Amino acid sequence: MQRLVAEFCACASEDEVLAPVFAHMGTPLIRHVEAVTDFWCRKLLGELLPSSDLLNVHQSVHTSHPIDDCHVERWLALWQDSVDATFVGPAADRAKALAVHIAHSMRTHLSG
């Protein structure tokens, strides 16, 4: 899982649409990778790991660099591509389906 998240974050941090968002994150990329890896391990693998408030992190970034639908759509596309390049099977399908739900939640939470 860590390899998937690290590769995704590396691509996203260099992506022309998402790089400015990552630049305003205020957290070293490695710490973000760790928190996001823990999130996905909890959600997909049921691991009991400490929880970070990732939505709060995104809300904080949103205040200094607004995250809009274009960012969310690009995040979703990159995530799904990263999953497809790394894994196959039910867990990969769940990761992509959960990402669609997260994208919807991000749009809802950050827009209002």
N, C-alpha and C. Protein backbone atom coordinates (compact mmCIF):
# COMPACT_ATOMS: atom_id res chain seq x y z
N MET A 1 0.83 -1.18 0.00
CA MET A 1 0.00 0.00 0.00
C MET A 1 0.88 1.26 0.00
N GLN A 2 1.97 1.21 0.77
CA GLN A 2 2.82 2.40 0.84
C GLN A 2 3.42 2.73 -0.52
N ARG A 3 3.80 1.70 -1.26
CA ARG A 3 4.37 1.94 -2.59
C ARG A 3 3.35 2.63 -3.51
N LEU A 4 2.11 2.17 -3.47
CA LEU A 4 1.04 2.79 -4.27
C LEU A 4 0.87 4.25 -3.90
N VAL A 5 0.74 4.52 -2.62
CA VAL A 5 0.52 5.90 -2.16
C VAL A 5 1.73 6.78 -2.48
N ALA A 6 2.92 6.27 -2.25
CA ALA A 6 4.13 7.06 -2.52
C ALA A 6 4.24 7.39 -4.01
N GLU A 7 3.98 6.42 -4.86
CA GLU A 7 4.05 6.67 -6.30
C GLU A 7 2.96 7.64 -6.73
N PHE A 8 1.75 7.46 -6.19
CA PHE A 8 0.67 8.38 -6.52
C PHE A 8 1.02 9.80 -6.08
N CYS A 9 1.48 9.96 -4.85
CA CYS A 9 1.81 11.31 -4.34
C CYS A 9 2.96 11.93 -5.13
N ALA A 10 3.93 11.14 -5.53
CA ALA A 10 5.03 11.67 -6.34
C ALA A 10 4.50 12.19 -7.68
N CYS A 11 3.62 11.42 -8.31
CA CYS A 11 3.03 11.86 -9.59
C CYS A 11 2.16 13.10 -9.38
N ALA A 12 1.34 13.08 -8.35
CA ALA A 12 0.43 14.19 -8.10
C ALA A 12 1.19 15.47 -7.76
N SER A 13 2.30 15.33 -7.02
CA SER A 13 3.06 16.52 -6.63
C SER A 13 3.79 17.14 -7.81
N GLU A 14 3.91 16.39 -8.92
CA GLU A 14 4.54 16.92 -10.13
C GLU A 14 3.53 17.23 -11.23
N ASP A 15 2.28 16.92 -10.99
CA ASP A 15 1.23 17.14 -11.98
C ASP A 15 0.91 18.63 -12.09
N GLU A 16 0.72 19.12 -13.31
CA GLU A 16 0.50 20.56 -13.49
C GLU A 16 -0.77 21.06 -12.80
N VAL A 17 -1.77 20.21 -12.65
CA VAL A 17 -3.00 20.63 -11.98
C VAL A 17 -2.86 20.53 -10.47
N LEU A 18 -2.27 19.44 -9.98
CA LEU A 18 -2.22 19.18 -8.54
C LEU A 18 -0.98 19.70 -7.83
N ALA A 19 0.10 19.94 -8.55
CA ALA A 19 1.34 20.41 -7.90
C ALA A 19 1.13 21.67 -7.05
N PRO A 20 0.37 22.66 -7.53
CA PRO A 20 0.16 23.84 -6.68
C PRO A 20 -0.56 23.52 -5.37
N VAL A 21 -1.45 22.56 -5.38
CA VAL A 21 -2.14 22.15 -4.16
C VAL A 21 -1.14 21.51 -3.20
N PHE A 22 -0.31 20.62 -3.71
CA PHE A 22 0.71 19.97 -2.88
C PHE A 22 1.68 21.00 -2.32
N ALA A 23 1.99 22.03 -3.09
CA ALA A 23 2.91 23.06 -2.63
C ALA A 23 2.37 23.83 -1.43
N HIS A 24 1.04 23.90 -1.31
CA HIS A 24 0.41 24.61 -0.20
C HIS A 24 0.04 23.69 0.97
N MET A 25 0.47 22.44 0.89
CA MET A 25 0.06 21.45 1.88
C MET A 25 0.58 21.77 3.28
N GLY A 26 1.78 22.29 3.38
CA GLY A 26 2.32 22.64 4.68
C GLY A 26 2.84 21.45 5.48
N THR A 27 2.86 20.28 4.86
CA THR A 27 3.35 19.07 5.50
C THR A 27 4.38 18.45 4.55
N PRO A 28 5.50 17.98 5.07
CA PRO A 28 6.44 17.30 4.18
C PRO A 28 5.75 16.13 3.48
N LEU A 29 6.10 15.92 2.23
CA LEU A 29 5.46 14.89 1.43
C LEU A 29 5.52 13.53 2.10
N ILE A 30 6.62 13.19 2.73
CA ILE A 30 6.74 11.88 3.37
C ILE A 30 5.73 11.71 4.49
N ARG A 31 5.45 12.75 5.23
CA ARG A 31 4.45 12.66 6.31
C ARG A 31 3.05 12.50 5.73
N HIS A 32 2.80 13.17 4.61
CA HIS A 32 1.51 13.03 3.94
C HIS A 32 1.36 11.59 3.42
N VAL A 33 2.42 11.05 2.84
CA VAL A 33 2.39 9.67 2.34
C VAL A 33 2.08 8.72 3.49
N GLU A 34 2.71 8.92 4.62
CA GLU A 34 2.47 8.05 5.78
C GLU A 34 1.01 8.12 6.23
N ALA A 35 0.46 9.33 6.34
CA ALA A 35 -0.92 9.49 6.78
C ALA A 35 -1.91 8.90 5.78
N VAL A 36 -1.65 9.12 4.51
CA VAL A 36 -2.55 8.59 3.47
C VAL A 36 -2.43 7.07 3.39
N THR A 37 -1.23 6.54 3.55
CA THR A 37 -1.06 5.08 3.57
C THR A 37 -1.84 4.48 4.72
N ASP A 38 -1.73 5.08 5.90
CA ASP A 38 -2.50 4.58 7.06
C ASP A 38 -3.99 4.62 6.77
N PHE A 39 -4.47 5.70 6.15
CA PHE A 39 -5.89 5.82 5.81
C PHE A 39 -6.34 4.65 4.93
N TRP A 40 -5.58 4.41 3.85
CA TRP A 40 -5.97 3.36 2.92
C TRP A 40 -5.84 1.98 3.56
N CYS A 41 -4.85 1.77 4.41
CA CYS A 41 -4.72 0.49 5.11
C CYS A 41 -5.91 0.25 6.03
N ARG A 42 -6.38 1.30 6.69
CA ARG A 42 -7.56 1.17 7.54
C ARG A 42 -8.79 0.84 6.71
N LYS A 43 -8.99 1.60 5.64
CA LYS A 43 -10.19 1.47 4.83
C LYS A 43 -10.23 0.17 4.03
N LEU A 44 -9.11 -0.23 3.45
CA LEU A 44 -9.12 -1.38 2.55
C LEU A 44 -8.73 -2.69 3.23
N LEU A 45 -7.85 -2.59 4.21
CA LEU A 45 -7.32 -3.80 4.81
C LEU A 45 -7.82 -4.03 6.24
N GLY A 46 -8.55 -3.05 6.76
CA GLY A 46 -9.08 -3.17 8.11
C GLY A 46 -8.04 -3.09 9.20
N GLU A 47 -6.86 -2.56 8.87
CA GLU A 47 -5.81 -2.45 9.88
C GLU A 47 -6.16 -1.40 10.92
N LEU A 48 -5.83 -1.68 12.15
CA LEU A 48 -6.09 -0.75 13.24
C LEU A 48 -4.87 0.16 13.42
N LEU A 49 -4.93 1.30 12.76
CA LEU A 49 -3.83 2.26 12.79
C LEU A 49 -4.35 3.59 13.31
N PRO A 50 -3.44 4.43 13.83
CA PRO A 50 -3.88 5.76 14.27
C PRO A 50 -4.53 6.52 13.12
N SER A 51 -5.50 7.34 13.46
CA SER A 51 -6.25 8.07 12.45
C SER A 51 -5.80 9.52 12.37
N SER A 52 -5.61 9.99 11.15
CA SER A 52 -5.33 11.40 10.92
C SER A 52 -6.58 12.02 10.31
N ASP A 53 -6.79 13.29 10.57
CA ASP A 53 -7.95 13.97 10.00
C ASP A 53 -7.54 14.54 8.65
N LEU A 54 -7.55 13.69 7.63
CA LEU A 54 -7.12 14.13 6.30
C LEU A 54 -8.06 15.17 5.71
N LEU A 55 -9.33 15.10 6.04
CA LEU A 55 -10.25 16.10 5.54
C LEU A 55 -9.90 17.48 6.09
N ASN A 56 -9.48 17.52 7.35
CA ASN A 56 -9.06 18.78 7.96
C ASN A 56 -7.81 19.33 7.27
N VAL A 57 -6.89 18.46 6.89
CA VAL A 57 -5.68 18.88 6.16
C VAL A 57 -6.08 19.50 4.83
N HIS A 58 -7.00 18.86 4.12
CA HIS A 58 -7.44 19.39 2.83
C HIS A 58 -8.21 20.70 3.00
N GLN A 59 -8.98 20.80 4.08
CA GLN A 59 -9.70 22.05 4.35
C GLN A 59 -8.70 23.18 4.59
N SER A 60 -7.63 22.90 5.32
CA SER A 60 -6.61 23.90 5.58
C SER A 60 -5.94 24.36 4.28
N VAL A 61 -5.62 23.42 3.41
CA VAL A 61 -5.03 23.76 2.11
C VAL A 61 -6.03 24.58 1.30
N HIS A 62 -7.29 24.17 1.35
CA HIS A 62 -8.35 24.82 0.58
C HIS A 62 -8.47 26.32 0.93
N THR A 63 -8.20 26.66 2.19
CA THR A 63 -8.31 28.07 2.58
C THR A 63 -7.23 28.93 1.95
N SER A 64 -6.05 28.35 1.69
CA SER A 64 -4.97 29.13 1.08
C SER A 64 -4.85 28.90 -0.43
N HIS A 65 -5.30 27.76 -0.89
CA HIS A 65 -5.25 27.44 -2.32
C HIS A 65 -6.52 26.63 -2.63
N PRO A 66 -7.59 27.29 -3.06
CA PRO A 66 -8.88 26.60 -3.24
C PRO A 66 -8.76 25.33 -4.09
N ILE A 67 -9.35 24.27 -3.56
CA ILE A 67 -9.43 22.99 -4.26
C ILE A 67 -10.80 22.95 -4.94
N ASP A 68 -10.78 22.86 -6.27
CA ASP A 68 -12.05 22.88 -7.00
C ASP A 68 -12.29 21.54 -7.69
N ASP A 69 -13.37 21.47 -8.47
CA ASP A 69 -13.72 20.21 -9.15
C ASP A 69 -12.61 19.72 -10.07
N CYS A 70 -11.91 20.63 -10.69
CA CYS A 70 -10.81 20.25 -11.59
C CYS A 70 -9.73 19.49 -10.82
N HIS A 71 -9.41 19.96 -9.62
CA HIS A 71 -8.41 19.29 -8.77
C HIS A 71 -8.92 17.91 -8.34
N VAL A 72 -10.17 17.86 -7.93
CA VAL A 72 -10.73 16.60 -7.44
C VAL A 72 -10.78 15.57 -8.57
N GLU A 73 -11.21 16.00 -9.75
CA GLU A 73 -11.28 15.08 -10.89
C GLU A 73 -9.89 14.58 -11.28
N ARG A 74 -8.91 15.46 -11.24
CA ARG A 74 -7.55 15.06 -11.58
C ARG A 74 -7.00 14.09 -10.53
N TRP A 75 -7.26 14.38 -9.25
CA TRP A 75 -6.85 13.48 -8.17
C TRP A 75 -7.45 12.10 -8.40
N LEU A 76 -8.74 12.06 -8.69
CA LEU A 76 -9.43 10.79 -8.89
C LEU A 76 -8.84 10.02 -10.07
N ALA A 77 -8.61 10.70 -11.18
CA ALA A 77 -8.05 10.05 -12.36
C ALA A 77 -6.65 9.50 -12.08
N LEU A 78 -5.81 10.30 -11.43
CA LEU A 78 -4.45 9.84 -11.11
C LEU A 78 -4.48 8.66 -10.13
N TRP A 79 -5.36 8.74 -9.14
CA TRP A 79 -5.47 7.65 -8.18
C TRP A 79 -5.89 6.36 -8.88
N GLN A 80 -6.91 6.44 -9.70
CA GLN A 80 -7.39 5.25 -10.39
C GLN A 80 -6.32 4.68 -11.32
N ASP A 81 -5.60 5.55 -12.02
CA ASP A 81 -4.50 5.09 -12.88
C ASP A 81 -3.41 4.42 -12.05
N SER A 82 -3.09 5.01 -10.90
CA SER A 82 -2.06 4.44 -10.02
C SER A 82 -2.48 3.07 -9.49
N VAL A 83 -3.74 2.95 -9.10
CA VAL A 83 -4.23 1.66 -8.62
C VAL A 83 -4.14 0.63 -9.74
N ASP A 84 -4.62 1.01 -10.94
CA ASP A 84 -4.60 0.07 -12.07
C ASP A 84 -3.18 -0.36 -12.43
N ALA A 85 -2.22 0.53 -12.25
CA ALA A 85 -0.83 0.20 -12.59
C ALA A 85 -0.16 -0.66 -11.52
N THR A 86 -0.76 -0.72 -10.34
CA THR A 86 -0.11 -1.39 -9.22
C THR A 86 -0.80 -2.68 -8.79
N PHE A 87 -2.14 -2.69 -8.82
CA PHE A 87 -2.89 -3.81 -8.28
C PHE A 87 -4.04 -4.22 -9.20
N VAL A 88 -4.49 -5.45 -9.02
CA VAL A 88 -5.71 -5.94 -9.67
C VAL A 88 -6.48 -6.73 -8.62
N GLY A 89 -7.76 -6.87 -8.86
CA GLY A 89 -8.57 -7.70 -7.97
C GLY A 89 -9.52 -6.89 -7.12
N PRO A 90 -10.16 -7.56 -6.16
CA PRO A 90 -11.19 -6.92 -5.34
C PRO A 90 -10.71 -5.71 -4.54
N ALA A 91 -9.51 -5.79 -3.98
CA ALA A 91 -9.00 -4.65 -3.21
C ALA A 91 -8.78 -3.44 -4.11
N ALA A 92 -8.28 -3.67 -5.32
CA ALA A 92 -8.10 -2.58 -6.28
C ALA A 92 -9.44 -1.98 -6.66
N ASP A 93 -10.43 -2.83 -6.88
CA ASP A 93 -11.77 -2.34 -7.20
C ASP A 93 -12.34 -1.53 -6.05
N ARG A 94 -12.14 -1.99 -4.82
CA ARG A 94 -12.62 -1.24 -3.64
C ARG A 94 -11.88 0.09 -3.51
N ALA A 95 -10.58 0.10 -3.79
CA ALA A 95 -9.81 1.35 -3.70
C ALA A 95 -10.33 2.39 -4.68
N LYS A 96 -10.67 1.96 -5.87
CA LYS A 96 -11.19 2.90 -6.88
C LYS A 96 -12.61 3.35 -6.53
N ALA A 97 -13.44 2.42 -6.05
CA ALA A 97 -14.80 2.78 -5.66
C ALA A 97 -14.80 3.73 -4.47
N LEU A 98 -13.94 3.47 -3.50
CA LEU A 98 -13.85 4.35 -2.34
C LEU A 98 -13.35 5.73 -2.75
N ALA A 99 -12.45 5.78 -3.70
CA ALA A 99 -11.94 7.07 -4.19
C ALA A 99 -13.06 7.90 -4.82
N VAL A 100 -13.98 7.25 -5.52
CA VAL A 100 -15.13 7.98 -6.09
C VAL A 100 -15.95 8.59 -4.95
N HIS A 101 -16.17 7.82 -3.90
CA HIS A 101 -16.91 8.32 -2.73
C HIS A 101 -16.16 9.48 -2.06
N ILE A 102 -14.86 9.34 -1.91
CA ILE A 102 -14.05 10.40 -1.30
C ILE A 102 -14.10 11.66 -2.16
N ALA A 103 -14.02 11.51 -3.46
CA ALA A 103 -14.09 12.68 -4.36
C ALA A 103 -15.41 13.41 -4.16
N HIS A 104 -16.49 12.66 -4.06
CA HIS A 104 -17.81 13.29 -3.83
C HIS A 104 -17.82 14.01 -2.48
N SER A 105 -17.28 13.36 -1.45
CA SER A 105 -17.24 13.98 -0.12
C SER A 105 -16.38 15.24 -0.12
N MET A 106 -15.25 15.19 -0.81
CA MET A 106 -14.39 16.37 -0.88
C MET A 106 -15.12 17.54 -1.55
N ARG A 107 -15.79 17.25 -2.67
CA ARG A 107 -16.55 18.31 -3.35
C ARG A 107 -17.58 18.91 -2.42
N THR A 108 -18.32 18.05 -1.74
CA THR A 108 -19.38 18.50 -0.84
C THR A 108 -18.82 19.29 0.33
N HIS A 109 -17.78 18.76 0.98
CA HIS A 109 -17.23 19.40 2.16
C HIS A 109 -16.50 20.70 1.85
N LEU A 110 -15.76 20.72 0.78
CA LEU A 110 -14.95 21.91 0.47
C LEU A 110 -15.76 23.00 -0.22
N SER A 111 -16.90 22.66 -0.79
CA SER A 111 -17.67 23.69 -1.47
C SER A 111 -18.55 24.48 -0.54
N GLY A 112 -18.81 23.97 0.61
CA GLY A 112 -19.71 24.71 1.45
C GLY A 112 -19.51 24.47 2.86
